[in-house]
């Protein structure tokens, strides 16, 4: 992940962590819950280029028919990609 973000190499930032860049966040900061529904560390990410706006990011802890469908929470991120500039 450090390589993707250009950390520690003196390089430019290639990608940003959409959760951190989000203007609004909802839900717990962790994404791993191991089937217990109690979010622990965040180990799921969405990365985006720095010029992409992130209005909203949300971690969803949910069950389906009484069971967790995964041992990870869902991560939902809204991205606004700038329009392409024509030459």
C-alpha atoms as a PDB file:
ATOM      1  CA  UNK A   1       0.000   0.000   0.000  1.00  0.00           C
ATOM      2  CA  UNK A   2       2.868   2.367   0.660  1.00  0.00           C
ATOM      3  CA  UNK A   3       4.052   1.821  -2.891  1.00  0.00           C
ATOM      4  CA  UNK A   4       0.602   2.599  -4.304  1.00  0.00           C
ATOM      5  CA  UNK A   5       0.489   5.813  -2.285  1.00  0.00           C
ATOM      6  CA  UNK A   6       4.071   6.759  -3.203  1.00  0.00           C
ATOM      7  CA  UNK A   7       5.183   6.806   0.442  1.00  0.00           C
ATOM      8  CA  UNK A   8       8.770   6.488   1.543  1.00  0.00           C
ATOM      9  CA  UNK A   9      10.144   6.625  -1.980  1.00  0.00           C
ATOM     10  CA  UNK A  10      10.273  10.388  -2.430  1.00  0.00           C
ATOM     11  CA  UNK A  11       7.874   9.841  -5.328  1.00  0.00           C
ATOM     12  CA  UNK A  12       4.689  11.666  -6.075  1.00  0.00           C
ATOM     13  CA  UNK A  13       1.377  10.472  -4.668  1.00  0.00           C
ATOM     14  CA  UNK A  14      -0.024   8.062  -7.203  1.00  0.00           C
ATOM     15  CA  UNK A  15      -3.198   7.162  -5.320  1.00  0.00           C
ATOM     16  CA  UNK A  16      -5.059   8.311  -2.223  1.00  0.00           C
ATOM     17  CA  UNK A  17      -6.982   6.315   0.362  1.00  0.00           C
ATOM     18  CA  UNK A  18     -10.617   7.166  -0.442  1.00  0.00           C
ATOM     19  CA  UNK A  19     -11.730   6.631   3.187  1.00  0.00           C
ATOM     20  CA  UNK A  20      -9.299   9.260   4.423  1.00  0.00           C
ATOM     21  CA  UNK A  21     -10.039  11.607   1.517  1.00  0.00           C
ATOM     22  CA  UNK A  22     -13.826  11.393   1.972  1.00  0.00           C
ATOM     23  CA  UNK A  23     -15.666  14.589   2.787  1.00  0.00           C
ATOM     24  CA  UNK A  24     -18.207  12.529   4.800  1.00  0.00           C
ATOM     25  CA  UNK A  25     -17.672   9.176   6.489  1.00  0.00           C
ATOM     26  CA  UNK A  26     -20.257   6.880   7.998  1.00  0.00           C
ATOM     27  CA  UNK A  27     -19.864   3.714  10.025  1.00  0.00           C
ATOM     28  CA  UNK A  28     -16.947   2.297  11.943  1.00  0.00           C
ATOM     29  CA  UNK A  29     -13.379   2.871  10.795  1.00  0.00           C
ATOM     30  CA  UNK A  30     -12.590  -0.874  10.845  1.00  0.00           C
ATOM     31  CA  UNK A  31     -13.604  -3.370   8.141  1.00  0.00           C
ATOM     32  CA  UNK A  32     -12.582  -6.759   9.530  1.00  0.00           C
ATOM     33  CA  UNK A  33     -15.003  -8.335  12.020  1.00  0.00           C
ATOM     34  CA  UNK A  34     -14.213 -12.076  11.807  1.00  0.00           C
ATOM     35  CA  UNK A  35     -17.921 -12.950  11.800  1.00  0.00           C
ATOM     36  CA  UNK A  36     -18.677 -11.315  15.147  1.00  0.00           C
ATOM     37  CA  UNK A  37     -19.983  -7.981  13.810  1.00  0.00           C
ATOM     38  CA  UNK A  38     -17.534  -5.956  15.883  1.00  0.00           C
ATOM     39  CA  UNK A  39     -15.281  -4.074  13.437  1.00  0.00           C
ATOM     40  CA  UNK A  40     -11.598  -4.322  14.184  1.00  0.00           C
ATOM     41  CA  UNK A  41      -8.738  -2.968  12.043  1.00  0.00           C
ATOM     42  CA  UNK A  42      -9.409  -1.584   8.588  1.00  0.00           C
ATOM     43  CA  UNK A  43      -7.869  -3.937   6.053  1.00  0.00           C
ATOM     44  CA  UNK A  44     -10.063  -3.118   3.052  1.00  0.00           C
ATOM     45  CA  UNK A  45      -9.323  -0.096   0.896  1.00  0.00           C
ATOM     46  CA  UNK A  46     -10.409   1.807  -2.171  1.00  0.00           C
ATOM     47  CA  UNK A  47      -7.657   3.826  -3.796  1.00  0.00           C
ATOM     48  CA  UNK A  48      -8.254   6.647  -6.269  1.00  0.00           C
ATOM     49  CA  UNK A  49      -6.156   9.194  -8.156  1.00  0.00           C
ATOM     50  CA  UNK A  50      -5.650  12.461  -6.241  1.00  0.00           C
ATOM     51  CA  UNK A  51      -7.828  14.429  -8.694  1.00  0.00           C
ATOM     52  CA  UNK A  52     -10.937  12.324  -7.923  1.00  0.00           C
ATOM     53  CA  UNK A  53     -13.379  13.866  -5.435  1.00  0.00           C
ATOM     54  CA  UNK A  54     -14.654  11.561  -2.675  1.00  0.00           C
ATOM     55  CA  UNK A  55     -17.945  12.974  -1.336  1.00  0.00           C
ATOM     56  CA  UNK A  56     -18.850   9.949   0.801  1.00  0.00           C
ATOM     57  CA  UNK A  57     -17.374   6.738   2.200  1.00  0.00           C
ATOM     58  CA  UNK A  58     -19.190   4.215   4.354  1.00  0.00           C
ATOM     59  CA  UNK A  59     -18.350   0.982   6.151  1.00  0.00           C
ATOM     60  CA  UNK A  60     -21.441  -1.212   6.290  1.00  0.00           C
ATOM     61  CA  UNK A  61     -21.798  -3.883   8.960  1.00  0.00           C
ATOM     62  CA  UNK A  62     -24.720  -6.003   7.869  1.00  0.00           C
ATOM     63  CA  UNK A  63     -26.321  -9.399   7.993  1.00  0.00           C
ATOM     64  CA  UNK A  64     -28.257 -11.308   5.369  1.00  0.00           C
ATOM     65  CA  UNK A  65     -30.876 -13.745   6.648  1.00  0.00           C
ATOM     66  CA  UNK A  66     -29.372 -13.472  10.124  1.00  0.00           C
ATOM     67  CA  UNK A  67     -25.800 -14.274   9.052  1.00  0.00           C
ATOM     68  CA  UNK A  68     -22.816 -12.216   8.052  1.00  0.00           C
ATOM     69  CA  UNK A  69     -22.077 -12.832   4.363  1.00  0.00           C
ATOM     70  CA  UNK A  70     -18.365 -12.297   4.981  1.00  0.00           C
ATOM     71  CA  UNK A  71     -15.867 -11.762   7.778  1.00  0.00           C
ATOM     72  CA  UNK A  72     -15.296  -8.291   6.302  1.00  0.00           C
ATOM     73  CA  UNK A  73     -17.631  -5.312   6.345  1.00  0.00           C
ATOM     74  CA  UNK A  74     -18.683  -3.803   3.027  1.00  0.00           C
ATOM     75  CA  UNK A  75     -16.866  -0.637   2.006  1.00  0.00           C
ATOM     76  CA  UNK A  76     -18.926   1.761  -0.114  1.00  0.00           C
ATOM     77  CA  UNK A  77     -17.219   4.772  -1.678  1.00  0.00           C
ATOM     78  CA  UNK A  78     -18.750   7.484  -3.850  1.00  0.00           C
ATOM     79  CA  UNK A  79     -16.272   8.854  -6.391  1.00  0.00           C
ATOM     80  CA  UNK A  80     -16.633  11.873  -8.672  1.00  0.00           C
ATOM     81  CA  UNK A  81     -14.262  11.606 -11.602  1.00  0.00           C
ATOM     82  CA  UNK A  82     -13.454  14.871 -13.409  1.00  0.00           C
ATOM     83  CA  UNK A  83     -14.654  15.164 -16.988  1.00  0.00           C
ATOM     84  CA  UNK A  84     -12.021  14.473 -19.617  1.00  0.00           C
ATOM     85  CA  UNK A  85     -10.586  17.561 -21.250  1.00  0.00           C
ATOM     86  CA  UNK A  86     -10.686  17.383 -25.035  1.00  0.00           C
ATOM     87  CA  UNK A  87      -7.704  18.643 -27.011  1.00  0.00           C
END
